[in-house]
Amino acid sequence: MRAAQQEQRASGGRVGPWSKVQNFFRDAWLELQKVIWPSPEDVIKMTGLVVAVVFVVGMFIFAWDRILWMLTGPLFE
């Protein structure tokens, strides 16, 4: 509660809904300016890595599915 009161004093007594929205967007913009964005080359490399890992995991699941299907298939005939 104290922090809210101090914020109210610092903002000149304005803590209406509109000033809260303005503060939110101002703070969000300030945080976005601190972000270190990746280069396009890094984005392409990481995207390729993600696609490769998804493919490998998909093939692993597919292989286990086929193996288990072959082992349990006769049980359900």
Protein backbone atom coordinates (compact mmCIF):
# COMPACT_ATOMS: atom_id res chain seq x y z
CA MET A 1 0.00 0.00 0.00
CA ARG A 2 2.84 2.36 0.78
CA ALA A 3 4.39 1.94 -2.65
CA ALA A 4 1.09 2.90 -4.27
CA GLN A 5 0.89 6.02 -2.12
CA GLN A 6 4.46 7.00 -2.98
CA GLU A 7 3.73 6.45 -6.66
CA GLN A 8 0.65 8.62 -6.36
CA ARG A 9 2.68 11.44 -4.81
CA ALA A 10 5.41 11.10 -7.43
CA SER A 11 2.92 11.29 -10.28
CA GLY A 12 1.36 14.47 -8.94
CA GLY A 13 -1.69 12.81 -7.44
CA ARG A 14 -2.91 11.32 -10.72
CA VAL A 15 -3.68 7.62 -10.46
CA GLY A 16 -6.77 7.44 -12.62
CA PRO A 17 -7.33 4.63 -15.07
CA TRP A 18 -5.97 6.63 -18.01
CA SER A 19 -2.71 7.49 -16.26
CA LYS A 20 -2.24 3.83 -15.32
CA VAL A 21 -2.62 2.85 -18.97
CA GLN A 22 -0.15 5.55 -20.02
CA ASN A 23 2.33 4.38 -17.37
CA PHE A 24 1.98 0.79 -18.53
CA PHE A 25 2.74 1.60 -22.16
CA ARG A 26 5.57 3.96 -21.24
CA ASP A 27 7.16 1.29 -19.03
CA ALA A 28 6.65 -1.37 -21.70
CA TRP A 29 8.35 0.85 -24.29
CA LEU A 30 11.28 1.51 -21.95
CA GLU A 31 11.72 -2.22 -21.38
CA LEU A 32 11.59 -2.94 -25.11
CA GLN A 33 14.40 -0.46 -25.67
CA LYS A 34 16.60 -2.50 -23.30
CA VAL A 35 16.17 -5.71 -25.33
CA ILE A 36 19.14 -6.94 -27.34
CA TRP A 37 17.49 -8.19 -30.52
CA PRO A 38 19.12 -11.05 -32.47
CA SER A 39 20.59 -10.46 -35.90
CA PRO A 40 18.80 -11.90 -38.94
CA GLU A 41 21.57 -14.50 -39.29
CA ASP A 42 20.99 -15.66 -35.71
CA VAL A 43 17.25 -15.89 -36.31
CA ILE A 44 17.80 -18.06 -39.40
CA LYS A 45 20.26 -20.34 -37.55
CA MET A 46 17.98 -20.79 -34.56
CA THR A 47 14.94 -21.41 -36.77
CA GLY A 48 16.86 -24.10 -38.64
CA LEU A 49 17.90 -25.67 -35.34
CA VAL A 50 14.31 -25.71 -34.08
CA VAL A 51 13.04 -27.31 -37.31
CA ALA A 52 15.80 -29.96 -37.16
CA VAL A 53 15.10 -30.83 -33.52
CA VAL A 54 11.35 -31.06 -34.17
CA PHE A 55 12.03 -33.38 -37.12
CA VAL A 56 14.36 -35.63 -35.10
CA VAL A 57 11.94 -35.87 -32.18
CA GLY A 58 9.07 -36.56 -34.59
CA MET A 59 11.03 -39.40 -36.22
CA PHE A 60 11.88 -40.82 -32.79
CA ILE A 61 8.21 -40.85 -31.76
CA PHE A 62 7.22 -42.30 -35.15
CA ALA A 63 9.78 -45.13 -34.79
CA TRP A 64 8.61 -46.02 -31.28
CA ASP A 65 4.99 -45.92 -32.43
CA ARG A 66 5.74 -48.36 -35.27
CA ILE A 67 7.73 -50.69 -32.99
CA LEU A 68 5.04 -50.75 -30.32
CA TRP A 69 2.33 -51.19 -32.97
CA MET A 70 4.16 -54.23 -34.40
CA LEU A 71 4.62 -55.72 -30.92
CA THR A 72 1.05 -55.17 -29.73
CA GLY A 73 -0.76 -55.60 -33.06
CA PRO A 74 -1.19 -59.37 -32.71
CA LEU A 75 -2.81 -58.90 -29.30
CA PHE A 76 -5.73 -57.00 -30.81
CA GLU A 77 -6.46 -59.25 -33.81
